[in-house]
């Protein structure tokens, strides 16, 4: 039996993984795996935030069925530091020119869908704690090593965000 067969029908989700090297976008029609459509491409961050935002828009619209289903939501993980409450990339050492970029606001304007933004390492830590090797533990430290280095911390069963989401930066 597949996960989507036992879960109640959930709203469709598009997941966006923005990295210093790659852009990955996946469409989950039931809000959970498996993905129905996947897009992979270089993130081309050297072209600047405007070009990357346009590439994200095109990739999101490219994985969605036509017409887009009602209630679709978009979740974006991005290297930080970023402010998850405001959806703003404060700065990114591995993405030149990304200083105070209003990622959530711009994508909501371009797409017309609700968008949530989080730090990639924080959300990877949360996923590992919920579904991976960290399932069932109260405390976890997660490190990512890719184009950049990041970390996320779970303490007492809670994702540690700190002021403006910068706790593990």
N, C-alpha and C. Protein backbone atom coordinates (compact mmCIF):
# COMPACT_ATOMS: atom_id res chain seq x y z
N UNK A 1 0.85 -1.18 0.00
CA UNK A 1 0.00 0.00 0.00
C UNK A 1 0.89 1.24 0.00
N UNK A 2 0.52 2.22 -0.80
CA UNK A 2 1.29 3.46 -0.88
C UNK A 2 0.79 4.46 0.15
N UNK A 3 1.71 5.36 0.55
CA UNK A 3 1.39 6.36 1.55
C UNK A 3 0.16 7.17 1.15
N UNK A 4 0.06 7.55 -0.12
CA UNK A 4 -1.06 8.40 -0.54
C UNK A 4 -2.39 7.65 -0.44
N UNK A 5 -2.37 6.31 -0.40
CA UNK A 5 -3.60 5.54 -0.29
C UNK A 5 -4.15 5.53 1.13
N UNK A 6 -3.29 5.75 2.13
CA UNK A 6 -3.76 5.70 3.51
C UNK A 6 -3.91 7.07 4.15
N UNK A 7 -3.37 8.11 3.49
CA UNK A 7 -3.53 9.46 4.01
C UNK A 7 -4.81 10.08 3.48
N UNK A 8 -5.44 10.94 4.25
CA UNK A 8 -6.58 11.66 3.69
C UNK A 8 -6.08 12.55 2.57
N UNK A 9 -6.95 12.83 1.60
CA UNK A 9 -6.58 13.68 0.48
C UNK A 9 -6.13 15.03 1.02
N UNK A 10 -4.93 15.42 0.63
CA UNK A 10 -4.37 16.68 1.08
C UNK A 10 -4.24 17.63 -0.10
N UNK A 11 -4.02 18.89 0.19
CA UNK A 11 -3.88 19.89 -0.86
C UNK A 11 -2.60 19.64 -1.66
N UNK A 12 -2.63 19.97 -2.95
CA UNK A 12 -1.44 19.80 -3.78
C UNK A 12 -0.32 20.75 -3.35
N UNK A 13 0.91 20.26 -3.46
CA UNK A 13 2.08 21.02 -3.04
C UNK A 13 3.13 20.96 -4.14
N UNK A 14 3.80 22.09 -4.35
CA UNK A 14 5.00 22.12 -5.17
C UNK A 14 6.15 22.43 -4.23
N UNK A 15 7.14 21.55 -4.20
CA UNK A 15 8.33 21.73 -3.37
C UNK A 15 9.47 22.23 -4.24
N UNK A 16 10.13 23.28 -3.77
CA UNK A 16 11.24 23.89 -4.50
C UNK A 16 12.48 23.82 -3.63
N UNK A 17 13.54 23.22 -4.17
CA UNK A 17 14.84 23.15 -3.49
C UNK A 17 15.80 24.03 -4.27
N UNK A 18 16.05 25.23 -3.76
CA UNK A 18 16.97 26.16 -4.38
C UNK A 18 18.32 26.02 -3.72
N UNK A 19 19.33 25.69 -4.49
CA UNK A 19 20.67 25.57 -3.96
C UNK A 19 21.65 26.40 -4.74
N UNK A 20 22.86 26.48 -4.25
CA UNK A 20 23.90 27.23 -4.93
C UNK A 20 24.30 26.62 -6.26
N UNK A 21 23.99 25.34 -6.46
CA UNK A 21 24.34 24.64 -7.70
C UNK A 21 23.12 24.19 -8.48
N UNK A 22 22.13 23.64 -7.80
CA UNK A 22 20.98 23.04 -8.48
C UNK A 22 19.65 23.63 -8.03
N UNK A 23 18.69 23.55 -8.94
CA UNK A 23 17.29 23.88 -8.66
C UNK A 23 16.50 22.61 -8.90
N UNK A 24 15.75 22.18 -7.89
CA UNK A 24 14.90 20.99 -8.02
C UNK A 24 13.49 21.39 -7.62
N UNK A 25 12.52 20.97 -8.43
CA UNK A 25 11.12 21.30 -8.18
C UNK A 25 10.31 20.03 -8.38
N UNK A 26 9.39 19.74 -7.45
CA UNK A 26 8.57 18.54 -7.55
C UNK A 26 7.13 18.87 -7.22
N UNK A 27 6.21 18.23 -7.94
CA UNK A 27 4.78 18.41 -7.73
C UNK A 27 4.22 17.17 -7.04
N UNK A 28 3.56 17.40 -5.89
CA UNK A 28 2.92 16.35 -5.10
C UNK A 28 1.42 16.60 -5.10
N UNK A 29 0.65 15.92 -5.95
CA UNK A 29 -0.77 16.22 -6.07
C UNK A 29 -1.56 15.97 -4.79
N UNK A 30 -1.07 15.08 -3.93
CA UNK A 30 -1.78 14.77 -2.68
C UNK A 30 -1.06 15.32 -1.46
N UNK A 31 -0.09 16.20 -1.66
CA UNK A 31 0.63 16.82 -0.55
C UNK A 31 1.65 15.92 0.10
N UNK A 32 1.89 14.75 -0.45
CA UNK A 32 2.84 13.79 0.13
C UNK A 32 3.41 12.95 -1.01
N UNK A 33 4.55 12.30 -0.75
CA UNK A 33 5.14 11.44 -1.79
C UNK A 33 4.17 10.36 -2.23
N UNK A 34 4.30 9.93 -3.47
CA UNK A 34 5.37 10.23 -4.42
C UNK A 34 5.08 11.47 -5.25
N UNK A 35 6.14 12.04 -5.79
CA UNK A 35 6.00 13.19 -6.68
C UNK A 35 5.45 12.71 -8.02
N UNK A 36 4.59 13.52 -8.60
CA UNK A 36 4.04 13.19 -9.92
C UNK A 36 4.92 13.72 -11.04
N UNK A 37 5.47 14.92 -10.84
CA UNK A 37 6.35 15.52 -11.84
C UNK A 37 7.54 16.14 -11.14
N UNK A 38 8.71 16.05 -11.79
CA UNK A 38 9.96 16.57 -11.21
C UNK A 38 10.70 17.37 -12.26
N UNK A 39 11.29 18.48 -11.83
CA UNK A 39 12.14 19.31 -12.68
C UNK A 39 13.51 19.43 -12.00
N UNK A 40 14.57 19.29 -12.78
CA UNK A 40 15.93 19.50 -12.27
C UNK A 40 16.69 20.34 -13.28
N UNK A 41 17.44 21.32 -12.77
CA UNK A 41 18.27 22.15 -13.65
C UNK A 41 19.34 22.82 -12.80
N UNK A 42 20.39 23.35 -13.44
CA UNK A 42 21.32 24.17 -12.69
C UNK A 42 20.59 25.40 -12.15
N UNK A 43 20.95 25.86 -10.96
CA UNK A 43 20.26 27.02 -10.39
C UNK A 43 20.73 28.32 -11.02
N UNK A 44 21.91 28.33 -11.60
CA UNK A 44 22.45 29.51 -12.29
C UNK A 44 22.39 30.77 -11.42
N UNK A 45 22.76 30.62 -10.15
CA UNK A 45 22.69 31.76 -9.22
C UNK A 45 23.61 32.90 -9.63
N UNK A 46 24.62 32.61 -10.45
CA UNK A 46 25.53 33.67 -10.89
C UNK A 46 24.81 34.69 -11.78
N UNK A 47 23.62 34.35 -12.28
CA UNK A 47 22.84 35.27 -13.11
C UNK A 47 22.04 36.28 -12.27
N UNK A 48 22.04 36.11 -10.95
CA UNK A 48 21.37 37.05 -10.07
C UNK A 48 19.98 36.62 -9.66
N UNK A 49 19.45 37.25 -8.61
CA UNK A 49 18.16 36.86 -8.06
C UNK A 49 17.00 36.93 -9.05
N UNK A 50 16.94 37.96 -9.89
CA UNK A 50 15.81 38.10 -10.80
C UNK A 50 15.73 36.92 -11.77
N UNK A 51 16.88 36.52 -12.31
CA UNK A 51 16.91 35.40 -13.25
C UNK A 51 16.53 34.10 -12.55
N UNK A 52 16.99 33.92 -11.32
CA UNK A 52 16.67 32.69 -10.58
C UNK A 52 15.19 32.66 -10.22
N UNK A 53 14.63 33.79 -9.82
CA UNK A 53 13.20 33.85 -9.53
C UNK A 53 12.38 33.49 -10.77
N UNK A 54 12.79 33.97 -11.92
CA UNK A 54 12.08 33.63 -13.17
C UNK A 54 12.22 32.14 -13.46
N UNK A 55 13.39 31.57 -13.20
CA UNK A 55 13.58 30.13 -13.42
C UNK A 55 12.72 29.31 -12.46
N UNK A 56 12.60 29.75 -11.23
CA UNK A 56 11.74 29.05 -10.26
C UNK A 56 10.29 29.13 -10.74
N UNK A 57 9.85 30.32 -11.13
CA UNK A 57 8.48 30.48 -11.64
C UNK A 57 8.22 29.52 -12.80
N UNK A 58 9.12 29.49 -13.76
CA UNK A 58 8.94 28.63 -14.93
C UNK A 58 8.92 27.15 -14.55
N UNK A 59 9.79 26.76 -13.61
CA UNK A 59 9.84 25.36 -13.19
C UNK A 59 8.57 24.96 -12.44
N UNK A 60 8.10 25.84 -11.55
CA UNK A 60 6.86 25.55 -10.81
C UNK A 60 5.70 25.40 -11.78
N UNK A 61 5.55 26.35 -12.68
CA UNK A 61 4.45 26.27 -13.65
C UNK A 61 4.62 25.08 -14.58
N UNK A 62 5.85 24.68 -14.82
CA UNK A 62 6.12 23.54 -15.69
C UNK A 62 5.76 22.20 -15.09
N UNK A 63 5.82 22.07 -13.77
CA UNK A 63 5.48 20.78 -13.14
C UNK A 63 3.99 20.67 -12.81
N UNK A 64 3.30 21.79 -12.78
CA UNK A 64 1.87 21.75 -12.46
C UNK A 64 1.04 21.32 -13.67
N UNK A 65 -0.03 20.55 -13.43
CA UNK A 65 -0.94 20.25 -14.54
C UNK A 65 -1.64 21.53 -14.98
N UNK A 66 -2.17 21.50 -16.20
CA UNK A 66 -2.92 22.65 -16.74
C UNK A 66 -4.39 22.27 -16.80
N UNK A 67 -5.29 23.02 -16.22
CA UNK A 67 -5.04 24.17 -15.37
C UNK A 67 -4.52 23.74 -14.01
N UNK A 68 -3.91 24.69 -13.30
CA UNK A 68 -3.37 24.40 -11.97
C UNK A 68 -4.52 24.01 -11.04
N UNK A 69 -4.29 22.98 -10.21
CA UNK A 69 -5.35 22.56 -9.28
C UNK A 69 -5.65 23.62 -8.23
N UNK A 70 -6.87 23.60 -7.74
CA UNK A 70 -7.27 24.52 -6.68
C UNK A 70 -6.49 24.20 -5.41
N UNK A 71 -6.14 25.23 -4.67
CA UNK A 71 -5.51 25.04 -3.37
C UNK A 71 -4.04 24.73 -3.39
N UNK A 72 -3.38 24.83 -4.55
CA UNK A 72 -1.96 24.51 -4.60
C UNK A 72 -1.16 25.47 -3.72
N UNK A 73 -0.16 24.90 -3.05
CA UNK A 73 0.74 25.67 -2.19
C UNK A 73 2.17 25.40 -2.65
N UNK A 74 3.08 26.33 -2.37
CA UNK A 74 4.47 26.20 -2.77
C UNK A 74 5.34 26.35 -1.53
N UNK A 75 6.25 25.40 -1.35
CA UNK A 75 7.23 25.47 -0.27
C UNK A 75 8.62 25.55 -0.88
N UNK A 76 9.42 26.51 -0.41
CA UNK A 76 10.75 26.74 -0.95
C UNK A 76 11.78 26.58 0.16
N UNK A 77 12.80 25.76 -0.09
CA UNK A 77 13.95 25.72 0.81
C UNK A 77 15.10 26.41 0.09
N UNK A 78 15.80 27.24 0.84
CA UNK A 78 16.89 28.05 0.28
C UNK A 78 18.03 28.08 1.27
N UNK A 79 19.26 28.17 0.75
CA UNK A 79 20.36 28.38 1.68
C UNK A 79 20.19 29.73 2.35
N UNK A 80 20.69 29.84 3.54
CA UNK A 80 20.50 31.07 4.30
C UNK A 80 21.78 31.83 4.45
N UNK A 81 21.78 32.72 5.37
CA UNK A 81 20.73 33.00 6.35
C UNK A 81 19.50 33.62 5.71
N UNK A 82 18.35 33.21 6.25
CA UNK A 82 17.10 33.79 5.80
C UNK A 82 16.14 33.91 6.96
N UNK A 83 15.17 34.78 6.79
CA UNK A 83 14.12 35.00 7.78
C UNK A 83 12.88 34.24 7.32
N UNK A 84 12.59 33.07 7.94
CA UNK A 84 11.46 32.28 7.47
C UNK A 84 10.10 32.95 7.69
N UNK A 85 9.98 33.77 8.71
CA UNK A 85 8.70 34.44 8.97
C UNK A 85 8.39 35.45 7.87
N UNK A 86 9.39 36.16 7.41
CA UNK A 86 9.20 37.17 6.37
C UNK A 86 9.43 36.60 4.97
N UNK A 87 10.11 35.43 4.88
CA UNK A 87 10.39 34.85 3.57
C UNK A 87 11.46 35.60 2.81
N UNK A 88 12.41 36.18 3.55
CA UNK A 88 13.45 37.01 2.96
C UNK A 88 14.81 36.33 3.11
N UNK A 89 15.53 36.19 1.99
CA UNK A 89 16.92 35.72 2.06
C UNK A 89 17.75 36.91 2.47
N UNK A 90 18.34 36.84 3.68
CA UNK A 90 19.10 37.97 4.22
C UNK A 90 20.44 38.12 3.51
N UNK A 91 21.10 37.00 3.31
CA UNK A 91 22.35 36.96 2.55
C UNK A 91 22.63 35.48 2.30
N UNK A 92 23.42 35.22 1.29
CA UNK A 92 23.77 33.83 1.01
C UNK A 92 25.17 33.79 0.44
N UNK A 93 26.10 33.23 1.19
CA UNK A 93 27.48 33.21 0.73
C UNK A 93 27.68 32.46 -0.58
N UNK A 94 26.83 31.49 -0.88
CA UNK A 94 27.01 30.73 -2.11
C UNK A 94 26.02 31.14 -3.22
N UNK A 95 25.34 32.29 -3.03
CA UNK A 95 24.46 32.82 -4.08
C UNK A 95 24.75 34.32 -4.22
N UNK A 96 25.65 34.69 -5.13
CA UNK A 96 26.06 36.09 -5.28
C UNK A 96 24.88 37.02 -5.54
N UNK A 97 24.88 38.15 -4.85
CA UNK A 97 23.85 39.16 -5.06
C UNK A 97 22.58 38.94 -4.27
N UNK A 98 22.51 37.85 -3.50
CA UNK A 98 21.30 37.57 -2.73
C UNK A 98 21.42 38.23 -1.36
N UNK A 99 21.03 39.48 -1.29
CA UNK A 99 21.02 40.22 -0.03
C UNK A 99 19.66 40.86 0.11
N UNK A 100 18.96 40.49 1.18
CA UNK A 100 17.62 41.02 1.46
C UNK A 100 16.66 40.81 0.29
N UNK A 101 16.67 39.61 -0.28
CA UNK A 101 15.79 39.27 -1.39
C UNK A 101 14.45 38.77 -0.84
N UNK A 102 13.35 39.45 -1.16
CA UNK A 102 12.03 39.04 -0.66
C UNK A 102 11.49 37.85 -1.46
N UNK A 103 12.07 36.69 -1.23
CA UNK A 103 11.78 35.48 -2.00
C UNK A 103 10.30 35.13 -1.97
N UNK A 104 9.72 35.06 -0.77
CA UNK A 104 8.29 34.70 -0.67
C UNK A 104 7.41 35.70 -1.39
N UNK A 105 7.59 36.96 -1.12
CA UNK A 105 6.75 38.01 -1.72
C UNK A 105 6.85 37.98 -3.24
N UNK A 106 8.06 37.88 -3.77
CA UNK A 106 8.23 37.88 -5.23
C UNK A 106 7.60 36.65 -5.88
N UNK A 107 7.79 35.47 -5.26
CA UNK A 107 7.21 34.27 -5.84
C UNK A 107 5.69 34.27 -5.75
N UNK A 108 5.14 34.77 -4.65
CA UNK A 108 3.68 34.88 -4.55
C UNK A 108 3.14 35.81 -5.63
N UNK A 109 3.84 36.89 -5.89
CA UNK A 109 3.42 37.83 -6.94
C UNK A 109 3.50 37.17 -8.31
N UNK A 110 4.57 36.44 -8.57
CA UNK A 110 4.78 35.82 -9.88
C UNK A 110 3.85 34.62 -10.12
N UNK A 111 3.55 33.87 -9.06
CA UNK A 111 2.81 32.62 -9.21
C UNK A 111 1.32 32.73 -8.89
N UNK A 112 0.99 33.59 -7.93
CA UNK A 112 -0.40 33.68 -7.50
C UNK A 112 -0.80 32.58 -6.53
N UNK A 113 0.16 31.87 -5.96
CA UNK A 113 -0.09 30.81 -4.98
C UNK A 113 0.56 31.19 -3.65
N UNK A 114 0.03 30.69 -2.53
CA UNK A 114 0.72 30.90 -1.25
C UNK A 114 2.08 30.22 -1.27
N UNK A 115 3.09 30.92 -0.74
CA UNK A 115 4.47 30.41 -0.71
C UNK A 115 4.99 30.50 0.71
N UNK A 116 5.68 29.47 1.14
CA UNK A 116 6.39 29.48 2.42
C UNK A 116 7.86 29.21 2.12
N UNK A 117 8.73 29.86 2.89
CA UNK A 117 10.17 29.76 2.68
C UNK A 117 10.84 29.33 3.97
N UNK A 118 11.82 28.44 3.85
CA UNK A 118 12.59 28.01 5.01
C UNK A 118 14.03 27.74 4.64
N UNK A 119 14.87 27.76 5.65
CA UNK A 119 16.29 27.45 5.46
C UNK A 119 16.44 25.97 5.11
N UNK A 120 17.24 25.69 4.10
CA UNK A 120 17.38 24.30 3.63
C UNK A 120 17.90 23.36 4.71
N UNK A 121 18.89 23.78 5.47
CA UNK A 121 19.45 22.89 6.49
C UNK A 121 18.46 22.68 7.65
N UNK A 122 17.75 23.73 8.03
CA UNK A 122 16.75 23.59 9.09
C UNK A 122 15.66 22.59 8.69
N UNK A 123 15.18 22.73 7.47
CA UNK A 123 14.10 21.85 7.03
C UNK A 123 14.58 20.44 6.75
N UNK A 124 15.85 20.29 6.35
CA UNK A 124 16.43 18.94 6.21
C UNK A 124 16.52 18.29 7.58
N UNK A 125 16.90 19.05 8.60
CA UNK A 125 16.95 18.52 9.96
C UNK A 125 15.56 18.08 10.41
N UNK A 126 14.57 18.91 10.14
CA UNK A 126 13.20 18.58 10.52
C UNK A 126 12.72 17.31 9.81
N UNK A 127 13.02 17.18 8.53
CA UNK A 127 12.62 15.98 7.77
C UNK A 127 13.33 14.73 8.31
N UNK A 128 14.61 14.84 8.61
CA UNK A 128 15.35 13.70 9.15
C UNK A 128 14.79 13.29 10.51
N UNK A 129 14.40 14.28 11.31
CA UNK A 129 13.83 14.01 12.63
C UNK A 129 12.46 13.35 12.52
N UNK A 130 11.66 13.80 11.57
CA UNK A 130 10.31 13.24 11.43
C UNK A 130 10.27 11.90 10.70
N UNK A 131 11.10 11.75 9.66
CA UNK A 131 10.96 10.60 8.77
C UNK A 131 12.21 9.73 8.64
N UNK A 132 13.36 10.21 9.07
CA UNK A 132 14.61 9.50 8.81
C UNK A 132 15.22 8.87 10.05
N UNK A 133 16.53 8.86 10.06
CA UNK A 133 17.28 8.21 11.14
C UNK A 133 17.03 8.86 12.49
N UNK A 134 16.57 10.11 12.51
CA UNK A 134 16.32 10.81 13.76
C UNK A 134 14.90 10.63 14.29
N UNK A 135 14.07 9.85 13.62
CA UNK A 135 12.69 9.66 14.08
C UNK A 135 12.69 9.05 15.48
N UNK A 136 11.95 9.68 16.38
CA UNK A 136 11.82 9.15 17.73
C UNK A 136 12.80 9.72 18.74
N UNK A 137 13.74 10.56 18.31
CA UNK A 137 14.68 11.15 19.27
C UNK A 137 14.21 12.55 19.65
N UNK A 138 14.68 13.02 20.79
CA UNK A 138 14.31 14.36 21.25
C UNK A 138 15.28 15.43 20.79
N UNK A 139 16.53 15.03 20.52
CA UNK A 139 17.57 16.00 20.17
C UNK A 139 18.32 15.50 18.94
N UNK A 140 18.62 16.41 18.03
CA UNK A 140 19.30 16.03 16.80
C UNK A 140 20.06 17.23 16.26
N UNK A 141 21.26 17.00 15.77
CA UNK A 141 22.03 18.01 15.05
C UNK A 141 22.23 17.46 13.64
N UNK A 142 21.90 18.27 12.65
CA UNK A 142 21.98 17.85 11.25
C UNK A 142 22.89 18.82 10.52
N UNK A 143 23.85 18.28 9.79
CA UNK A 143 24.76 19.11 9.00
C UNK A 143 24.60 18.80 7.52
N UNK A 144 24.60 19.84 6.70
CA UNK A 144 24.57 19.66 5.25
C UNK A 144 25.90 20.14 4.69
N UNK A 145 26.42 19.38 3.75
CA UNK A 145 27.66 19.77 3.09
C UNK A 145 27.42 19.61 1.59
N UNK A 146 27.39 20.73 0.90
CA UNK A 146 27.17 20.74 -0.54
C UNK A 146 27.93 21.91 -1.11
N UNK A 147 27.25 22.77 -1.87
CA UNK A 147 27.89 23.99 -2.35
C UNK A 147 28.29 24.84 -1.16
N UNK A 148 27.49 24.80 -0.10
CA UNK A 148 27.81 25.46 1.16
C UNK A 148 27.70 24.47 2.29
N UNK A 149 27.87 24.96 3.51
CA UNK A 149 27.74 24.12 4.70
C UNK A 149 26.64 24.74 5.55
N UNK A 150 25.73 23.90 6.04
CA UNK A 150 24.65 24.40 6.87
C UNK A 150 24.34 23.44 7.98
N UNK A 151 23.47 23.87 8.88
CA UNK A 151 23.10 23.01 9.99
C UNK A 151 21.71 23.32 10.50
N UNK A 152 21.11 22.31 11.10
CA UNK A 152 19.82 22.46 11.73
C UNK A 152 19.84 21.72 13.05
N UNK A 153 19.08 22.19 14.02
CA UNK A 153 19.09 21.61 15.36
C UNK A 153 17.66 21.37 15.82
N UNK A 154 17.42 20.15 16.31
CA UNK A 154 16.17 19.81 16.98
C UNK A 154 16.54 19.65 18.45
N UNK A 155 15.83 20.36 19.32
CA UNK A 155 16.07 20.23 20.76
C UNK A 155 14.72 20.11 21.46
N UNK A 156 14.62 19.12 22.34
CA UNK A 156 13.37 18.83 23.04
C UNK A 156 12.21 18.67 22.05
N UNK A 157 12.50 18.06 20.90
CA UNK A 157 11.47 17.79 19.90
C UNK A 157 10.98 19.00 19.13
N UNK A 158 11.74 20.09 19.16
CA UNK A 158 11.35 21.31 18.46
C UNK A 158 12.50 21.79 17.57
N UNK A 159 12.17 22.27 16.38
CA UNK A 159 13.17 22.87 15.52
C UNK A 159 13.63 24.17 16.15
N UNK A 160 14.92 24.30 16.37
CA UNK A 160 15.49 25.49 16.98
C UNK A 160 15.70 26.55 15.89
N UNK A 161 14.93 27.63 15.96
CA UNK A 161 15.04 28.69 14.97
C UNK A 161 15.80 29.90 15.50
N UNK A 162 15.55 30.28 16.73
CA UNK A 162 16.20 31.47 17.27
C UNK A 162 15.65 32.72 16.65
N UNK A 163 16.34 33.84 16.91
CA UNK A 163 15.91 35.13 16.39
C UNK A 163 15.98 35.12 14.87
N UNK A 164 14.87 35.42 14.23
CA UNK A 164 14.77 35.53 12.77
C UNK A 164 15.21 34.25 12.05
N UNK A 165 15.15 33.11 12.70
CA UNK A 165 15.48 31.85 12.03
C UNK A 165 16.95 31.57 11.86
N UNK A 166 17.81 32.22 12.64
CA UNK A 166 19.24 32.16 12.42
C UNK A 166 20.00 31.32 13.45
N UNK A 167 19.30 30.50 14.24
CA UNK A 167 19.95 29.79 15.35
C UNK A 167 21.11 28.90 14.92
N UNK A 168 20.98 28.15 13.85
CA UNK A 168 22.03 27.19 13.49
C UNK A 168 22.96 27.73 12.41
N UNK A 169 22.84 28.99 12.08
CA UNK A 169 23.69 29.53 11.00
C UNK A 169 25.12 29.64 11.48
